Amino acid sequence: MHEGFCLCGQLRFRAEGDPRWVAYCHCASCRRHTASPVACFVNFMLEQRRFSGERAQFVSSPGVTRSHCASCGTPIAYQTERRAGEIDLYLNAFARPESFMPQAHVFCDERLPWFDTRDELPRHAGGG
């Protein structure tokens, strides 16, 4: 079981089993939501996760819902209608983010030009 929480600790989550995938996202929307040069997601099926505490949600673009702690604003999750039944949890919201190894980069066509990683992971122009 994998556990995570927001900065203030009010919102907590658990994800059971193994993630489906782990990936860096370079899209402008995720970068803005996290105020960072790249976001990293851990994907689970919805039935694998449980939340406790108050989670706020908003629609950031058509078919996309983002979640964050209602108290401190820590970004927690991303969901898209294109992948119904799945949830992407932000890597750094996990208590042990080192437990997950990224497997790919997505939306590389939106990558900041100065942000370079020298890993050998697959790179996808779009969502992969």
N, C-alpha and C. Protein backbone atom coordinates (compact mmCIF):
# COMPACT_ATOMS: atom_id res chain seq x y z
N MET A 1 0.84 -1.17 0.00
CA MET A 1 0.00 0.00 0.00
C MET A 1 0.89 1.24 0.00
N HIS A 2 0.47 2.24 -0.76
CA HIS A 2 1.21 3.49 -0.87
C HIS A 2 0.35 4.59 -0.25
N GLU A 3 0.96 5.41 0.60
CA GLU A 3 0.23 6.49 1.26
C GLU A 3 0.82 7.83 0.85
N GLY A 4 -0.04 8.86 0.92
CA GLY A 4 0.41 10.20 0.59
C GLY A 4 -0.44 11.23 1.32
N PHE A 5 0.01 12.47 1.24
CA PHE A 5 -0.69 13.54 1.95
C PHE A 5 -0.26 14.89 1.41
N CYS A 6 -1.06 15.89 1.73
CA CYS A 6 -0.77 17.26 1.31
C CYS A 6 0.22 17.91 2.28
N LEU A 7 0.59 19.14 2.01
CA LEU A 7 1.56 19.85 2.85
C LEU A 7 1.07 20.04 4.28
N CYS A 8 -0.21 20.34 4.47
CA CYS A 8 -0.73 20.57 5.83
C CYS A 8 -1.18 19.27 6.50
N GLY A 9 -1.29 18.18 5.76
CA GLY A 9 -1.67 16.89 6.33
C GLY A 9 -3.17 16.66 6.42
N GLN A 10 -3.99 17.65 6.04
CA GLN A 10 -5.44 17.52 6.14
C GLN A 10 -5.99 16.52 5.13
N LEU A 11 -5.42 16.48 3.95
CA LEU A 11 -5.87 15.56 2.90
C LEU A 11 -4.88 14.41 2.78
N ARG A 12 -5.39 13.21 2.89
CA ARG A 12 -4.55 12.01 2.81
C ARG A 12 -5.14 11.05 1.78
N PHE A 13 -4.28 10.19 1.26
CA PHE A 13 -4.77 9.18 0.33
C PHE A 13 -3.97 7.91 0.48
N ARG A 14 -4.58 6.82 0.01
CA ARG A 14 -3.93 5.52 -0.06
C ARG A 14 -4.17 4.95 -1.45
N ALA A 15 -3.16 4.30 -1.97
CA ALA A 15 -3.29 3.61 -3.25
C ALA A 15 -2.79 2.19 -3.04
N GLU A 16 -3.61 1.23 -3.39
CA GLU A 16 -3.26 -0.17 -3.18
C GLU A 16 -2.74 -0.80 -4.46
N GLY A 17 -1.82 -1.72 -4.30
CA GLY A 17 -1.28 -2.44 -5.45
C GLY A 17 -0.23 -1.64 -6.20
N ASP A 18 0.09 -2.12 -7.37
CA ASP A 18 1.11 -1.48 -8.19
C ASP A 18 0.48 -0.45 -9.11
N PRO A 19 1.20 0.65 -9.36
CA PRO A 19 0.70 1.62 -10.33
C PRO A 19 0.72 1.03 -11.73
N ARG A 20 -0.10 1.59 -12.60
CA ARG A 20 -0.12 1.16 -14.00
C ARG A 20 1.09 1.71 -14.72
N TRP A 21 1.47 2.95 -14.42
CA TRP A 21 2.66 3.58 -15.00
C TRP A 21 3.04 4.80 -14.18
N VAL A 22 4.26 5.28 -14.41
CA VAL A 22 4.78 6.51 -13.78
C VAL A 22 5.43 7.31 -14.90
N ALA A 23 5.07 8.60 -15.02
CA ALA A 23 5.61 9.39 -16.13
C ALA A 23 5.77 10.86 -15.76
N TYR A 24 6.78 11.47 -16.37
CA TYR A 24 6.95 12.92 -16.31
C TYR A 24 6.01 13.54 -17.33
N CYS A 25 5.33 14.63 -16.97
CA CYS A 25 4.48 15.35 -17.91
C CYS A 25 5.05 16.76 -18.10
N HIS A 26 5.29 17.11 -19.35
CA HIS A 26 5.87 18.41 -19.69
C HIS A 26 4.83 19.40 -20.20
N CYS A 27 3.54 19.07 -20.18
CA CYS A 27 2.54 19.97 -20.75
C CYS A 27 2.45 21.26 -19.94
N ALA A 28 2.09 22.33 -20.63
CA ALA A 28 2.02 23.65 -20.00
C ALA A 28 1.01 23.69 -18.86
N SER A 29 -0.09 22.98 -19.00
CA SER A 29 -1.13 22.97 -17.97
C SER A 29 -0.63 22.34 -16.67
N CYS A 30 0.03 21.20 -16.76
CA CYS A 30 0.57 20.54 -15.56
C CYS A 30 1.69 21.36 -14.94
N ARG A 31 2.52 21.95 -15.79
CA ARG A 31 3.60 22.79 -15.26
C ARG A 31 3.03 23.98 -14.49
N ARG A 32 1.97 24.58 -15.02
CA ARG A 32 1.35 25.72 -14.33
C ARG A 32 0.70 25.26 -13.03
N HIS A 33 -0.01 24.13 -13.06
CA HIS A 33 -0.70 23.64 -11.86
C HIS A 33 0.28 23.34 -10.73
N THR A 34 1.47 22.88 -11.06
CA THR A 34 2.45 22.53 -10.03
C THR A 34 3.49 23.62 -9.81
N ALA A 35 3.46 24.67 -10.64
CA ALA A 35 4.45 25.76 -10.56
C ALA A 35 5.87 25.20 -10.62
N SER A 36 6.07 24.25 -11.52
CA SER A 36 7.38 23.61 -11.67
C SER A 36 7.67 23.35 -13.15
N PRO A 37 8.91 23.06 -13.50
CA PRO A 37 9.25 22.84 -14.91
C PRO A 37 8.74 21.52 -15.47
N VAL A 38 8.35 20.60 -14.62
CA VAL A 38 7.81 19.31 -15.05
C VAL A 38 7.00 18.71 -13.90
N ALA A 39 5.94 17.99 -14.23
CA ALA A 39 5.16 17.27 -13.22
C ALA A 39 5.47 15.79 -13.38
N CYS A 40 5.24 15.03 -12.32
CA CYS A 40 5.43 13.59 -12.41
C CYS A 40 4.21 12.92 -11.79
N PHE A 41 3.61 12.00 -12.54
CA PHE A 41 2.39 11.33 -12.13
C PHE A 41 2.60 9.84 -11.92
N VAL A 42 1.83 9.30 -10.97
CA VAL A 42 1.76 7.86 -10.72
C VAL A 42 0.31 7.47 -11.00
N ASN A 43 0.09 6.61 -11.99
CA ASN A 43 -1.26 6.28 -12.44
C ASN A 43 -1.77 5.02 -11.76
N PHE A 44 -3.00 5.12 -11.24
CA PHE A 44 -3.70 3.99 -10.64
C PHE A 44 -5.12 3.93 -11.19
N MET A 45 -5.76 2.80 -11.08
CA MET A 45 -7.18 2.70 -11.36
C MET A 45 -7.91 3.34 -10.17
N LEU A 46 -9.07 3.94 -10.42
CA LEU A 46 -9.81 4.62 -9.35
C LEU A 46 -10.08 3.72 -8.16
N GLU A 47 -10.42 2.46 -8.41
CA GLU A 47 -10.76 1.57 -7.29
C GLU A 47 -9.55 1.24 -6.41
N GLN A 48 -8.35 1.58 -6.84
CA GLN A 48 -7.14 1.30 -6.06
C GLN A 48 -6.86 2.38 -5.02
N ARG A 49 -7.54 3.52 -5.06
CA ARG A 49 -7.20 4.63 -4.18
C ARG A 49 -8.36 5.01 -3.28
N ARG A 50 -8.02 5.60 -2.12
CA ARG A 50 -8.99 6.11 -1.15
C ARG A 50 -8.47 7.45 -0.63
N PHE A 51 -9.39 8.43 -0.52
CA PHE A 51 -9.04 9.74 0.03
C PHE A 51 -9.70 9.92 1.39
N SER A 52 -9.05 10.69 2.27
CA SER A 52 -9.68 11.15 3.50
C SER A 52 -9.30 12.62 3.65
N GLY A 53 -10.23 13.41 4.15
CA GLY A 53 -10.02 14.85 4.23
C GLY A 53 -10.73 15.55 3.09
N GLU A 54 -10.72 16.86 3.12
CA GLU A 54 -11.45 17.63 2.11
C GLU A 54 -10.61 17.89 0.87
N ARG A 55 -11.09 17.36 -0.23
CA ARG A 55 -10.42 17.51 -1.52
C ARG A 55 -11.24 18.47 -2.38
N ALA A 56 -10.61 19.52 -2.87
CA ALA A 56 -11.26 20.45 -3.78
C ALA A 56 -10.93 20.03 -5.21
N GLN A 57 -11.87 20.26 -6.12
CA GLN A 57 -11.67 19.89 -7.52
C GLN A 57 -12.09 21.04 -8.42
N PHE A 58 -11.46 21.12 -9.58
CA PHE A 58 -11.88 22.08 -10.59
C PHE A 58 -11.59 21.53 -11.97
N VAL A 59 -12.35 21.99 -12.94
CA VAL A 59 -12.15 21.59 -14.33
C VAL A 59 -11.15 22.57 -14.93
N SER A 60 -9.97 22.07 -15.29
CA SER A 60 -8.91 22.95 -15.79
C SER A 60 -8.96 23.11 -17.30
N SER A 61 -9.57 22.18 -17.99
CA SER A 61 -9.79 22.24 -19.43
C SER A 61 -10.88 21.22 -19.74
N PRO A 62 -11.48 21.26 -20.92
CA PRO A 62 -12.56 20.32 -21.22
C PRO A 62 -12.15 18.86 -20.99
N GLY A 63 -12.91 18.18 -20.11
CA GLY A 63 -12.66 16.77 -19.84
C GLY A 63 -11.58 16.49 -18.82
N VAL A 64 -10.99 17.54 -18.23
CA VAL A 64 -9.89 17.36 -17.27
C VAL A 64 -10.28 17.96 -15.91
N THR A 65 -10.17 17.14 -14.86
CA THR A 65 -10.43 17.60 -13.50
C THR A 65 -9.16 17.45 -12.68
N ARG A 66 -8.82 18.50 -11.96
CA ARG A 66 -7.65 18.48 -11.08
C ARG A 66 -8.11 18.60 -9.63
N SER A 67 -7.40 17.93 -8.74
CA SER A 67 -7.74 17.94 -7.32
C SER A 67 -6.59 18.50 -6.50
N HIS A 68 -6.96 19.16 -5.41
CA HIS A 68 -5.95 19.68 -4.49
C HIS A 68 -6.56 19.74 -3.09
N CYS A 69 -5.72 19.93 -2.10
CA CYS A 69 -6.20 20.05 -0.73
C CYS A 69 -7.02 21.34 -0.61
N ALA A 70 -8.20 21.23 -0.02
CA ALA A 70 -9.06 22.40 0.15
C ALA A 70 -8.48 23.38 1.17
N SER A 71 -7.58 22.92 2.02
CA SER A 71 -7.01 23.78 3.05
C SER A 71 -5.72 24.47 2.59
N CYS A 72 -4.73 23.70 2.13
CA CYS A 72 -3.42 24.29 1.81
C CYS A 72 -3.17 24.43 0.31
N GLY A 73 -3.98 23.79 -0.53
CA GLY A 73 -3.85 23.93 -1.98
C GLY A 73 -2.86 23.00 -2.65
N THR A 74 -2.25 22.08 -1.90
CA THR A 74 -1.30 21.15 -2.51
C THR A 74 -1.95 20.36 -3.64
N PRO A 75 -1.38 20.38 -4.86
CA PRO A 75 -1.93 19.57 -5.95
C PRO A 75 -1.80 18.08 -5.61
N ILE A 76 -2.88 17.33 -5.85
CA ILE A 76 -2.90 15.91 -5.49
C ILE A 76 -3.15 15.00 -6.69
N ALA A 77 -4.10 15.37 -7.57
CA ALA A 77 -4.50 14.42 -8.60
C ALA A 77 -4.97 15.09 -9.89
N TYR A 78 -4.94 14.29 -10.94
CA TYR A 78 -5.38 14.67 -12.28
C TYR A 78 -6.25 13.54 -12.82
N GLN A 79 -7.39 13.89 -13.41
CA GLN A 79 -8.25 12.89 -14.05
C GLN A 79 -8.71 13.44 -15.40
N THR A 80 -8.78 12.57 -16.39
CA THR A 80 -9.25 12.95 -17.71
C THR A 80 -10.31 11.98 -18.19
N GLU A 81 -11.31 12.50 -18.88
CA GLU A 81 -12.37 11.65 -19.43
C GLU A 81 -11.81 10.68 -20.48
N ARG A 82 -10.67 11.01 -21.07
CA ARG A 82 -10.06 10.13 -22.07
C ARG A 82 -9.60 8.81 -21.46
N ARG A 83 -9.34 8.83 -20.15
CA ARG A 83 -8.92 7.62 -19.44
C ARG A 83 -9.84 7.42 -18.24
N ALA A 84 -11.13 7.25 -18.53
CA ALA A 84 -12.12 7.06 -17.47
C ALA A 84 -11.74 5.86 -16.61
N GLY A 85 -11.95 5.99 -15.32
CA GLY A 85 -11.64 4.89 -14.41
C GLY A 85 -10.21 4.92 -13.89
N GLU A 86 -9.44 5.94 -14.31
CA GLU A 86 -8.05 6.06 -13.86
C GLU A 86 -7.85 7.38 -13.13
N ILE A 87 -6.82 7.44 -12.31
CA ILE A 87 -6.44 8.68 -11.63
C ILE A 87 -4.92 8.77 -11.61
N ASP A 88 -4.43 9.96 -11.89
CA ASP A 88 -2.99 10.22 -11.84
C ASP A 88 -2.71 11.00 -10.56
N LEU A 89 -1.93 10.42 -9.67
CA LEU A 89 -1.57 11.08 -8.42
C LEU A 89 -0.18 11.69 -8.56
N TYR A 90 -0.01 12.89 -8.06
CA TYR A 90 1.29 13.55 -8.16
C TYR A 90 2.33 12.79 -7.34
N LEU A 91 3.44 12.48 -7.96
CA LEU A 91 4.51 11.70 -7.33
C LEU A 91 4.92 12.27 -5.98
N ASN A 92 5.14 13.58 -5.91
CA ASN A 92 5.66 14.16 -4.67
C ASN A 92 4.63 14.32 -3.58
N ALA A 93 3.38 13.91 -3.82
CA ALA A 93 2.38 13.87 -2.76
C ALA A 93 2.47 12.56 -1.98
N PHE A 94 3.20 11.59 -2.51
CA PHE A 94 3.37 10.32 -1.80
C PHE A 94 4.36 10.47 -0.65
N ALA A 95 4.13 9.72 0.41
CA ALA A 95 5.03 9.74 1.56
C ALA A 95 6.42 9.24 1.17
N ARG A 96 6.48 8.31 0.23
CA ARG A 96 7.76 7.75 -0.22
C ARG A 96 7.85 7.84 -1.75
N PRO A 97 8.06 9.05 -2.28
CA PRO A 97 8.12 9.18 -3.74
C PRO A 97 9.25 8.37 -4.37
N GLU A 98 10.26 8.07 -3.59
CA GLU A 98 11.38 7.29 -4.12
C GLU A 98 10.97 5.85 -4.44
N SER A 99 9.78 5.45 -4.03
CA SER A 99 9.27 4.10 -4.31
C SER A 99 8.89 3.91 -5.78
N PHE A 100 8.77 5.00 -6.51
CA PHE A 100 8.30 4.94 -7.89
C PHE A 100 9.38 5.41 -8.85
N MET A 101 9.58 4.68 -9.91
CA MET A 101 10.57 5.03 -10.92
C MET A 101 9.85 5.46 -12.20
N PRO A 102 10.05 6.70 -12.65
CA PRO A 102 9.42 7.12 -13.91
C PRO A 102 9.83 6.20 -15.07
N GLN A 103 8.87 6.01 -15.97
CA GLN A 103 9.06 5.11 -17.11
C GLN A 103 9.06 5.82 -18.45
N ALA A 104 8.60 7.07 -18.47
CA ALA A 104 8.50 7.79 -19.75
C ALA A 104 8.32 9.28 -19.51
N HIS A 105 8.47 10.03 -20.59
CA HIS A 105 8.17 11.47 -20.63
C HIS A 105 7.00 11.64 -21.60
N VAL A 106 6.00 12.45 -21.23
CA VAL A 106 4.89 12.73 -22.14
C VAL A 106 4.77 14.23 -22.38
N PHE A 107 4.14 14.59 -23.47
CA PHE A 107 3.98 15.97 -23.92
C PHE A 107 5.32 16.68 -24.04
N CYS A 108 6.29 15.97 -24.58
CA CYS A 108 7.63 16.54 -24.77
C CYS A 108 7.62 17.70 -25.76
N ASP A 109 6.61 17.75 -26.61
CA ASP A 109 6.51 18.87 -27.55
C ASP A 109 6.24 20.19 -26.83
N GLU A 110 5.84 20.14 -25.55
CA GLU A 110 5.60 21.34 -24.76
C GLU A 110 6.70 21.58 -23.72
N ARG A 111 7.73 20.78 -23.74
CA ARG A 111 8.82 20.87 -22.77
C ARG A 111 9.47 22.26 -22.82
N LEU A 112 9.84 22.78 -21.67
CA LEU A 112 10.60 24.03 -21.63
C LEU A 112 11.94 23.78 -22.32
N PRO A 113 12.37 24.67 -23.19
CA PRO A 113 13.58 24.40 -23.98
C PRO A 113 14.85 24.26 -23.15
N TRP A 114 14.90 24.86 -21.97
CA TRP A 114 16.10 24.78 -21.14
C TRP A 114 16.06 23.60 -20.17
N PHE A 115 14.92 22.89 -20.09
CA PHE A 115 14.81 21.76 -19.17
C PHE A 115 15.24 20.50 -19.89
N ASP A 116 16.33 19.92 -19.44
CA ASP A 116 16.87 18.74 -20.10
C ASP A 116 17.16 17.65 -19.08
N THR A 117 16.68 16.47 -19.37
CA THR A 117 17.05 15.31 -18.56
C THR A 117 17.81 14.37 -19.47
N ARG A 118 18.79 13.77 -18.94
CA ARG A 118 19.66 12.91 -19.75
C ARG A 118 19.39 11.42 -19.52
N ASP A 119 18.16 11.11 -19.15
CA ASP A 119 17.82 9.70 -18.98
C ASP A 119 17.50 9.08 -20.34
N GLU A 120 17.32 7.79 -20.34
CA GLU A 120 17.06 7.06 -21.58
C GLU A 120 15.59 6.64 -21.70
N LEU A 121 14.70 7.31 -20.97
CA LEU A 121 13.29 6.95 -21.00
C LEU A 121 12.66 7.32 -22.34
N PRO A 122 11.62 6.59 -22.75
CA PRO A 122 10.91 6.95 -23.99
C PRO A 122 10.34 8.36 -23.88
N ARG A 123 10.31 9.06 -25.02
CA ARG A 123 9.76 10.41 -25.08
C ARG A 123 8.63 10.44 -26.11
N HIS A 124 7.49 11.02 -25.69
CA HIS A 124 6.31 11.08 -26.55
C HIS A 124 5.93 12.54 -26.76
N ALA A 125 5.65 12.91 -27.99
CA ALA A 125 5.25 14.29 -28.29
C ALA A 125 3.95 14.64 -27.57
N GLY A 126 3.00 13.71 -27.56
CA GLY A 126 1.72 13.92 -26.91
C GLY A 126 1.61 13.09 -25.64
N GLY A 127 0.39 12.65 -25.35
CA GLY A 127 0.13 11.94 -24.10
C GLY A 127 0.67 10.53 -24.02
N GLY A 128 1.21 9.99 -25.08
CA GLY A 128 1.83 8.67 -25.01
C GLY A 128 0.82 7.61 -24.94
